[in-house]
Amino acid sequence: MEKDKLIHGILWSVFYLIVYGVLSVVGNFLFPVEFLIGCGLIGGVYILINAFFIRYKRERLFVNGLLSAFAVLCLGILIGKQLKFQDVLALGAAISIIDILSFTKHGKHTTNAKAMSNIHFMSKLIVYGKEKNDVLVPTCGIGDYFYYSMWISGIHTISNSIYAYLLAVCTILLGSCIHYAIIMKLSRRENYKGFPGTVFPFLCIAVQYTILHFLRC
């Protein structure tokens, strides 16, 4: 993978994670439940229709990515609000394990792995940055963004303080930076095919959850 493209992708990802994280916090405190349900359901239907029934067009990828990211943000907040402490950790662990398996020989037949092998299909499920000359820079998949907003929203199980929510944003960003540092090293290998993006953000957020949980007890 070209180093310049990788660096651009990382910079866009960090930028989006900061904006997305702040929006997730704002959404938890200011978005009415009706708004979250409406945007989440309409957005979810749009994502499904776009992924399975609308023909691939590169010109639509940037806008589609932003619309999808906002839809999963609303869904993530909505679901995160319903979860209990143990549910957040159990779901996060399960998601990370499935994510890891998708990048191994043992998981090549999983639905996740098969979806990732379909370039046009996967292209519709990625959020992009946009640079000069209409150059699209891939960041994370909408599934990753969904998990991030869900984990941030799940903070309600251990604290109602806005600072705990903002700390969750920073924690996920820290995990993502660790992920990107590993990618920078692994990408030098000829057989590099990617690295699961949820593992380190989840490990970092799990540490925050655990510490705040025991401090509250």
Protein backbone atom coordinates (compact mmCIF):
# COMPACT_ATOMS: atom_id res chain seq x y z
CA MET A 1 0.00 0.00 0.00
CA GLU A 2 1.32 3.46 -0.90
CA LYS A 3 2.47 5.34 2.17
CA ASP A 4 0.97 8.70 1.10
CA LYS A 5 -2.47 7.17 0.52
CA LEU A 6 -2.30 5.42 3.87
CA ILE A 7 -1.35 8.62 5.70
CA HIS A 8 -4.17 10.54 4.02
CA GLY A 9 -6.60 7.80 5.02
CA ILE A 10 -5.42 7.93 8.64
CA LEU A 11 -5.71 11.72 8.80
CA TRP A 12 -9.25 11.63 7.42
CA SER A 13 -10.15 8.81 9.81
CA VAL A 14 -8.90 10.74 12.84
CA PHE A 15 -10.77 13.85 11.70
CA TYR A 16 -14.01 11.93 11.20
CA LEU A 17 -13.62 10.09 14.51
CA ILE A 18 -13.32 13.37 16.39
CA VAL A 19 -16.35 14.91 14.64
CA TYR A 20 -18.32 11.67 14.87
CA GLY A 21 -17.44 11.22 18.53
CA VAL A 22 -18.53 14.75 19.44
CA LEU A 23 -21.78 14.26 17.48
CA SER A 24 -22.37 11.01 19.37
CA VAL A 25 -22.02 12.83 22.69
CA VAL A 26 -24.29 15.66 21.54
CA GLY A 27 -26.81 13.11 20.28
CA ASN A 28 -26.93 11.35 23.64
CA PHE A 29 -27.82 14.57 25.44
CA LEU A 30 -29.81 16.54 22.87
CA PHE A 31 -31.38 14.28 20.22
CA PRO A 32 -34.96 13.23 21.10
CA VAL A 33 -35.70 9.51 21.01
CA GLU A 34 -38.23 10.09 18.20
CA PHE A 35 -35.54 11.77 16.10
CA LEU A 36 -33.10 8.90 16.71
CA ILE A 37 -35.72 6.29 15.80
CA GLY A 38 -36.83 8.15 12.67
CA CYS A 39 -33.33 8.85 11.33
CA GLY A 40 -32.07 5.42 12.37
CA LEU A 41 -34.88 3.48 10.68
CA ILE A 42 -35.01 5.60 7.52
CA GLY A 43 -31.22 5.57 7.31
CA GLY A 44 -31.04 1.84 7.94
CA VAL A 45 -33.51 1.14 5.12
CA TYR A 46 -31.55 3.47 2.85
CA ILE A 47 -28.28 1.61 3.64
CA LEU A 48 -29.87 -1.77 2.82
CA ILE A 49 -31.45 -0.57 -0.42
CA ASN A 50 -28.26 1.16 -1.51
CA ALA A 51 -26.10 -1.87 -0.68
CA PHE A 52 -28.25 -4.54 -2.33
CA PHE A 53 -30.44 -2.92 -4.95
CA ILE A 54 -28.81 0.28 -6.27
CA ARG A 55 -26.12 -0.10 -8.90
CA TYR A 56 -22.60 0.92 -7.88
CA LYS A 57 -21.62 4.45 -8.90
CA ARG A 58 -18.41 6.03 -7.72
CA GLU A 59 -19.96 9.52 -7.89
CA ARG A 60 -22.38 8.63 -5.08
CA LEU A 61 -19.87 7.09 -2.65
CA PHE A 62 -18.91 10.26 -0.75
CA VAL A 63 -22.46 11.45 -0.04
CA ASN A 64 -23.65 7.88 0.61
CA GLY A 65 -20.91 7.43 3.17
CA LEU A 66 -21.83 10.58 5.09
CA LEU A 67 -25.56 9.76 5.07
CA SER A 68 -24.85 6.21 6.21
CA ALA A 69 -22.54 7.42 8.97
CA PHE A 70 -25.26 9.68 10.38
CA ALA A 71 -27.82 6.87 10.17
CA VAL A 72 -25.63 4.43 12.10
CA LEU A 73 -24.78 7.19 14.58
CA CYS A 74 -28.47 7.48 15.44
CA LEU A 75 -28.88 3.70 15.57
CA GLY A 76 -25.78 3.30 17.72
CA ILE A 77 -26.97 5.92 20.22
CA LEU A 78 -30.44 4.39 20.32
CA ILE A 79 -29.19 0.85 20.92
CA GLY A 80 -26.45 1.95 23.32
CA LYS A 81 -29.06 3.64 25.50
CA GLN A 82 -30.83 0.30 25.96
CA LEU A 83 -27.76 -1.76 26.87
CA LYS A 84 -26.54 -2.75 30.31
CA PHE A 85 -22.92 -2.72 31.45
CA GLN A 86 -22.36 -6.43 30.75
CA ASP A 87 -24.13 -6.19 27.39
CA VAL A 88 -21.78 -3.51 26.10
CA LEU A 89 -18.68 -5.53 26.98
CA ALA A 90 -20.13 -8.83 25.71
CA LEU A 91 -21.20 -7.30 22.39
CA GLY A 92 -17.88 -5.53 21.99
CA ALA A 93 -15.94 -8.73 22.65
CA ALA A 94 -18.09 -10.71 20.19
CA ILE A 95 -17.74 -8.06 17.49
CA SER A 96 -13.96 -7.92 17.91
CA ILE A 97 -13.61 -11.71 17.75
CA ILE A 98 -15.70 -11.88 14.56
CA ASP A 99 -13.66 -9.01 13.13
CA ILE A 100 -10.40 -10.85 13.86
CA LEU A 101 -11.70 -14.12 12.39
CA SER A 102 -12.63 -12.34 9.17
CA PHE A 103 -8.94 -11.62 8.55
CA THR A 104 -7.79 -15.21 9.13
CA LYS A 105 -7.85 -18.37 7.00
CA HIS A 106 -10.39 -19.90 9.38
CA GLY A 107 -12.82 -17.02 8.85
CA LYS A 108 -12.60 -16.68 5.07
CA HIS A 109 -16.04 -18.28 4.67
CA THR A 110 -17.81 -15.98 7.15
CA THR A 111 -20.39 -13.49 5.88
CA ASN A 112 -18.16 -10.61 6.94
CA ALA A 113 -15.18 -11.96 4.99
CA LYS A 114 -17.27 -12.67 1.89
CA ALA A 115 -18.70 -9.15 2.00
CA MET A 116 -15.21 -7.65 2.25
CA SER A 117 -14.11 -9.60 -0.83
CA ASN A 118 -16.84 -7.91 -2.93
CA ILE A 119 -15.19 -4.59 -3.78
CA HIS A 120 -18.26 -2.80 -5.19
CA PHE A 121 -20.46 -3.98 -2.32
CA MET A 122 -17.96 -2.95 0.34
CA SER A 123 -17.35 0.41 -1.35
CA LYS A 124 -20.95 1.35 -0.54
CA LEU A 125 -20.38 0.64 3.16
CA ILE A 126 -17.36 2.86 3.67
CA VAL A 127 -17.15 6.51 4.72
CA TYR A 128 -14.82 8.59 2.55
CA GLY A 129 -12.89 11.79 2.78
CA LYS A 130 -12.73 13.91 -0.36
CA GLU A 131 -9.70 15.77 -1.66
CA LYS A 132 -8.74 17.78 -4.75
CA ASN A 133 -9.65 16.44 -8.18
CA ASP A 134 -12.48 14.41 -6.65
CA VAL A 135 -10.06 11.96 -5.02
CA LEU A 136 -11.89 9.75 -2.48
CA VAL A 137 -10.00 8.62 0.62
CA PRO A 138 -11.50 5.59 2.43
CA THR A 139 -11.66 5.79 6.23
CA CYS A 140 -13.69 3.21 8.24
CA GLY A 141 -16.65 1.03 7.39
CA ILE A 142 -20.07 2.14 8.62
CA GLY A 143 -20.11 -0.92 10.89
CA ASP A 144 -17.11 0.46 12.79
CA TYR A 145 -18.81 3.84 13.16
CA PHE A 146 -21.94 2.11 14.43
CA TYR A 147 -19.98 0.28 17.14
CA TYR A 148 -18.21 3.49 18.20
CA SER A 149 -21.45 5.40 18.75
CA MET A 150 -22.95 2.40 20.56
CA TRP A 151 -19.97 2.16 22.91
CA ILE A 152 -20.07 5.91 23.58
CA SER A 153 -23.81 5.78 24.25
CA GLY A 154 -23.34 2.79 26.56
CA ILE A 155 -21.47 5.01 29.00
CA HIS A 156 -24.88 5.73 30.57
CA THR A 157 -24.54 2.37 32.36
CA ILE A 158 -21.69 3.71 34.49
CA SER A 159 -21.96 7.51 34.43
CA ASN A 160 -24.26 10.37 33.43
CA SER A 161 -21.41 12.87 33.29
CA ILE A 162 -20.69 14.45 29.93
CA TYR A 163 -16.99 14.16 30.80
CA ALA A 164 -17.29 10.36 30.86
CA TYR A 165 -18.82 10.48 27.37
CA LEU A 166 -16.08 12.78 26.09
CA LEU A 167 -13.47 10.52 27.68
CA ALA A 168 -15.02 7.61 25.75
CA VAL A 169 -14.46 9.56 22.52
CA CYS A 170 -10.81 10.07 23.48
CA THR A 171 -10.46 6.42 24.47
CA ILE A 172 -11.81 5.18 21.14
CA LEU A 173 -9.54 7.65 19.36
CA LEU A 174 -6.57 6.29 21.35
CA GLY A 175 -7.47 2.73 20.36
CA SER A 176 -7.81 3.80 16.73
CA CYS A 177 -4.40 5.49 16.81
CA ILE A 178 -2.87 2.26 18.11
CA HIS A 179 -4.64 0.47 15.26
CA TYR A 180 -3.25 2.92 12.69
CA ALA A 181 0.28 2.62 14.10
CA ILE A 182 0.09 -1.16 13.62
CA ILE A 183 -1.26 -0.72 10.09
CA MET A 184 1.68 1.57 9.24
CA LYS A 185 4.05 -1.26 10.16
CA LEU A 186 2.09 -4.14 8.65
CA SER A 187 1.44 -2.30 5.37
CA ARG A 188 5.14 -2.64 4.49
CA ARG A 189 4.63 -6.36 4.01
CA GLU A 190 3.85 -7.66 0.54
CA ASN A 191 1.03 -9.91 1.76
CA TYR A 192 -0.69 -7.16 3.77
CA LYS A 193 -4.49 -7.48 3.47
CA GLY A 194 -5.69 -5.27 6.30
CA PHE A 195 -6.16 -5.45 10.04
CA PRO A 196 -9.41 -5.55 12.09
CA GLY A 197 -10.38 -2.01 13.09
CA THR A 198 -12.53 -2.67 16.17
CA VAL A 199 -10.05 -4.58 18.34
CA PHE A 200 -7.98 -1.83 19.93
CA PRO A 201 -10.79 0.75 20.22
CA PHE A 202 -12.82 -1.91 22.06
CA LEU A 203 -9.93 -2.90 24.34
CA CYS A 204 -9.38 0.75 25.28
CA ILE A 205 -13.09 1.47 25.85
CA ALA A 206 -13.39 -1.77 27.86
CA VAL A 207 -10.65 -0.52 30.20
CA GLN A 208 -12.52 2.76 30.69
CA TYR A 209 -15.79 0.95 31.35
CA THR A 210 -14.17 -1.37 33.88
CA ILE A 211 -12.34 1.40 35.75
CA LEU A 212 -15.43 3.65 35.97
CA HIS A 213 -17.58 0.67 36.98
CA PHE A 214 -15.34 -0.21 39.94
CA LEU A 215 -14.93 3.44 40.94
CA ARG A 216 -18.72 3.71 41.12
CA CYS A 217 -19.07 0.53 43.22
